[in-house]
Amino acid sequence: MKVVKEAVLRTVEKGVGEKWSEEMKGAWSEAYDQLANAIQAEMNIEAAEVHS
């Protein structure tokens, strides 16, 4: 999943251009982590329901 995160960060960085900063990178990184965790949690719930 780290590869995907790095790809997303690079894509956003290219899109933002000169406005990109370490602060912005940190914010996007945190947002990505929160989204990935939420998706993983939902997938775990669905998998548990299927196997019960």
C-alpha atoms as a PDB file:
ATOM      1  CA  MET A   1       0.000   0.000   0.000  1.00  0.00           C
ATOM      2  CA  LYS A   2       2.972   2.288   0.499  1.00  0.00           C
ATOM      3  CA  VAL A   3       3.582   2.269  -3.255  1.00  0.00           C
ATOM      4  CA  VAL A   4       0.062   3.530  -3.883  1.00  0.00           C
ATOM      5  CA  LYS A   5       0.415   6.225  -1.224  1.00  0.00           C
ATOM      6  CA  GLU A   6       3.674   7.466  -2.736  1.00  0.00           C
ATOM      7  CA  ALA A   7       2.104   7.497  -6.196  1.00  0.00           C
ATOM      8  CA  VAL A   8      -0.846   9.535  -4.925  1.00  0.00           C
ATOM      9  CA  LEU A   9       1.458  12.008  -3.187  1.00  0.00           C
ATOM     10  CA  ARG A  10       3.611  12.421  -6.320  1.00  0.00           C
ATOM     11  CA  THR A  11       0.517  12.920  -8.472  1.00  0.00           C
ATOM     12  CA  VAL A  12      -0.883  15.591  -6.162  1.00  0.00           C
ATOM     13  CA  GLU A  13       2.534  17.247  -5.954  1.00  0.00           C
ATOM     14  CA  LYS A  14       2.724  17.475  -9.750  1.00  0.00           C
ATOM     15  CA  GLY A  15      -0.803  18.853  -9.911  1.00  0.00           C
ATOM     16  CA  VAL A  16      -0.197  21.484  -7.233  1.00  0.00           C
ATOM     17  CA  GLY A  17       3.147  22.544  -8.638  1.00  0.00           C
ATOM     18  CA  GLU A  18       5.001  25.359  -6.905  1.00  0.00           C
ATOM     19  CA  LYS A  19       2.453  25.555  -4.077  1.00  0.00           C
ATOM     20  CA  TRP A  20       3.537  22.109  -2.837  1.00  0.00           C
ATOM     21  CA  SER A  21       5.127  22.177   0.619  1.00  0.00           C
ATOM     22  CA  GLU A  22       6.119  19.790   3.398  1.00  0.00           C
ATOM     23  CA  GLU A  23       3.015  20.910   5.295  1.00  0.00           C
ATOM     24  CA  MET A  24       0.815  20.045   2.335  1.00  0.00           C
ATOM     25  CA  LYS A  25       2.590  16.699   1.934  1.00  0.00           C
ATOM     26  CA  GLY A  26       1.929  15.934   5.590  1.00  0.00           C
ATOM     27  CA  ALA A  27      -1.750  16.827   5.275  1.00  0.00           C
ATOM     28  CA  TRP A  28      -2.216  14.701   2.151  1.00  0.00           C
ATOM     29  CA  SER A  29      -0.300  11.846   3.742  1.00  0.00           C
ATOM     30  CA  GLU A  30      -2.521  11.936   6.822  1.00  0.00           C
ATOM     31  CA  ALA A  31      -5.676  12.126   4.706  1.00  0.00           C
ATOM     32  CA  TYR A  32      -4.528   9.139   2.646  1.00  0.00           C
ATOM     33  CA  ASP A  33      -3.760   7.127   5.793  1.00  0.00           C
ATOM     34  CA  GLN A  34      -7.188   7.892   7.264  1.00  0.00           C
ATOM     35  CA  LEU A  35      -8.953   6.916   4.051  1.00  0.00           C
ATOM     36  CA  ALA A  36      -6.924   3.711   3.678  1.00  0.00           C
ATOM     37  CA  ASN A  37      -7.642   2.765   7.301  1.00  0.00           C
ATOM     38  CA  ALA A  38     -11.370   3.401   6.864  1.00  0.00           C
ATOM     39  CA  ILE A  39     -11.477   1.284   3.706  1.00  0.00           C
ATOM     40  CA  GLN A  40      -9.524  -1.524   5.390  1.00  0.00           C
ATOM     41  CA  ALA A  41     -11.815  -1.459   8.431  1.00  0.00           C
ATOM     42  CA  GLU A  42     -14.893  -1.715   6.205  1.00  0.00           C
ATOM     43  CA  MET A  43     -13.365  -4.575   4.251  1.00  0.00           C
ATOM     44  CA  ASN A  44     -12.607  -6.395   7.518  1.00  0.00           C
ATOM     45  CA  ILE A  45     -16.215  -5.966   8.670  1.00  0.00           C
ATOM     46  CA  GLU A  46     -17.565  -7.286   5.362  1.00  0.00           C
ATOM     47  CA  ALA A  47     -15.152 -10.236   5.422  1.00  0.00           C
ATOM     48  CA  ALA A  48     -16.218 -11.099   8.989  1.00  0.00           C
ATOM     49  CA  GLU A  49     -19.891 -10.997   7.967  1.00  0.00           C
ATOM     50  CA  VAL A  50     -19.252 -13.306   5.026  1.00  0.00           C
ATOM     51  CA  HIS A  51     -17.411 -15.830   7.188  1.00  0.00           C
ATOM     52  CA  SER A  52     -19.923 -15.865  10.057  1.00  0.00           C
END
